[in-house]
Amino acid sequence: DFGRGVCAAMGPYRIAIATQGTRGDFQPALSLGLGLIKAGHDVKFFGNPDHIRMAAEFNLPGASISIEVKDLLASERGLRAMESGDLAKLGASQDFATDNKEDMEKD
């Protein structure tokens, strides 16, 4: 209960957790967020739509701030980059995000 003793003296914090990566990357952050809420803090997640949906399954608030990497890789641009072996071609992912802005705003 180290966190409870230290935090009780300072009061609750508002904590933002930004994530990216796979589900395996996200789950430890989700566990951390749940522990922080249990300790009395306010937590909000920021990440790709899949992570935000998973956080919502645990009643944790969140906002989509990035694209799904799997969707980028499945796009025409992603397929060309993987075929050529030049993943630097993905550097224009901003174009992909702009083209898919509507999908991101749904989450």
Protein backbone atom coordinates (compact mmCIF):
# COMPACT_ATOMS: atom_id res chain seq x y z
CA ASP A 1 0.00 0.00 0.00
CA PHE A 2 2.95 2.32 -0.61
CA GLY A 3 0.95 4.31 -3.17
CA ARG A 4 -1.96 4.87 -0.84
CA GLY A 5 0.20 6.30 1.95
CA VAL A 6 2.18 8.65 -0.27
CA CYS A 7 -0.78 9.77 -2.34
CA ALA A 8 -3.10 10.21 0.62
CA ALA A 9 -0.87 12.98 1.90
CA MET A 10 -0.86 14.76 -1.48
CA GLY A 11 -4.42 14.10 -2.62
CA PRO A 12 -5.67 12.48 -5.81
CA TYR A 13 -3.91 13.13 -9.11
CA ARG A 14 -5.28 13.47 -12.62
CA ILE A 15 -3.20 11.07 -14.71
CA ALA A 16 -3.00 10.69 -18.49
CA ILE A 17 -1.67 7.41 -19.88
CA ALA A 18 -0.64 7.50 -23.55
CA THR A 19 -0.22 4.15 -25.28
CA GLN A 20 0.75 2.69 -28.63
CA GLY A 21 1.59 -0.77 -29.80
CA THR A 22 -0.10 -4.12 -29.52
CA ARG A 23 -2.53 -5.47 -26.97
CA GLY A 24 0.44 -6.93 -25.11
CA ASP A 25 1.93 -3.46 -24.86
CA PHE A 26 -1.35 -1.98 -23.67
CA GLN A 27 -2.44 -4.49 -21.03
CA PRO A 28 0.22 -3.53 -18.44
CA ALA A 29 -0.80 0.13 -18.86
CA LEU A 30 -4.43 -0.87 -18.38
CA SER A 31 -3.53 -2.71 -15.19
CA LEU A 32 -1.62 0.34 -13.98
CA GLY A 33 -4.61 2.56 -14.73
CA LEU A 34 -6.97 0.28 -12.80
CA GLY A 35 -4.60 0.32 -9.82
CA LEU A 36 -4.35 4.09 -9.90
CA ILE A 37 -8.13 4.42 -9.95
CA LYS A 38 -8.39 1.99 -7.04
CA ALA A 39 -5.94 4.26 -5.19
CA GLY A 40 -8.29 7.21 -5.75
CA HIS A 41 -6.80 8.94 -8.79
CA ASP A 42 -8.49 10.09 -12.00
CA VAL A 43 -7.07 8.33 -15.06
CA LYS A 44 -7.65 8.91 -18.77
CA PHE A 45 -6.16 6.85 -21.60
CA PHE A 46 -4.96 8.21 -24.92
CA GLY A 47 -4.09 5.79 -27.69
CA ASN A 48 -5.26 3.94 -30.74
CA PRO A 49 -8.95 3.06 -31.12
CA ASP A 50 -8.50 -0.59 -30.06
CA HIS A 51 -6.85 0.46 -26.80
CA ILE A 52 -9.56 3.01 -26.08
CA ARG A 53 -12.29 0.42 -26.69
CA MET A 54 -10.56 -1.98 -24.31
CA ALA A 55 -10.24 0.73 -21.64
CA ALA A 56 -13.96 1.46 -22.03
CA GLU A 57 -14.70 -2.22 -21.28
CA PHE A 58 -13.31 -1.44 -17.80
CA ASN A 59 -15.23 1.85 -17.58
CA LEU A 60 -12.05 3.87 -18.06
CA PRO A 61 -12.30 7.08 -20.09
CA GLY A 62 -10.12 7.56 -23.12
CA ALA A 63 -9.64 9.32 -26.43
CA SER A 64 -8.26 8.09 -29.74
CA ILE A 65 -5.17 10.05 -30.70
CA SER A 66 -3.56 7.76 -33.24
CA ILE A 67 -4.32 5.40 -36.05
CA GLU A 68 -4.37 1.64 -35.91
CA VAL A 69 -0.98 0.43 -37.12
CA LYS A 70 -2.59 -2.75 -38.43
CA ASP A 71 -4.89 -0.63 -40.62
CA LEU A 72 -1.94 1.38 -41.93
CA LEU A 73 -0.04 -1.82 -42.78
CA ALA A 74 -3.13 -3.24 -44.53
CA SER A 75 -3.53 -0.09 -46.64
CA GLU A 76 -2.16 0.22 -50.15
CA ARG A 77 0.69 2.38 -48.81
CA GLY A 78 1.51 -0.18 -46.12
CA LEU A 79 1.46 -3.11 -48.51
CA ARG A 80 3.79 -1.30 -50.92
CA ALA A 81 6.17 -0.45 -48.08
CA MET A 82 6.27 -4.05 -46.85
CA GLU A 83 6.70 -5.45 -50.39
CA SER A 84 9.63 -3.13 -51.07
CA GLY A 85 11.14 -3.65 -47.64
CA ASP A 86 11.26 0.14 -47.23
CA LEU A 87 9.19 0.93 -44.18
CA ALA A 88 10.32 4.57 -44.44
CA LYS A 89 7.50 4.85 -46.96
CA LEU A 90 5.17 4.67 -43.99
CA GLY A 91 6.52 8.06 -42.90
CA ALA A 92 3.61 9.66 -44.67
CA SER A 93 1.21 8.08 -42.19
CA GLN A 94 -0.22 11.56 -41.62
CA ASP A 95 -1.89 11.18 -45.03
CA PHE A 96 -3.40 7.90 -43.85
CA ALA A 97 -4.60 9.52 -40.62
CA THR A 98 -6.16 12.41 -42.54
CA ASP A 99 -7.90 10.00 -44.92
CA ASN A 100 -9.23 8.01 -41.94
CA LYS A 101 -10.00 10.91 -39.61
CA GLU A 102 -13.70 10.09 -39.61
CA ASP A 103 -13.02 6.59 -38.25
CA MET A 104 -10.80 7.97 -35.48
CA GLU A 105 -13.43 10.49 -34.42
CA LYS A 106 -16.06 7.76 -33.96
CA ASP A 107 -14.10 6.35 -31.04
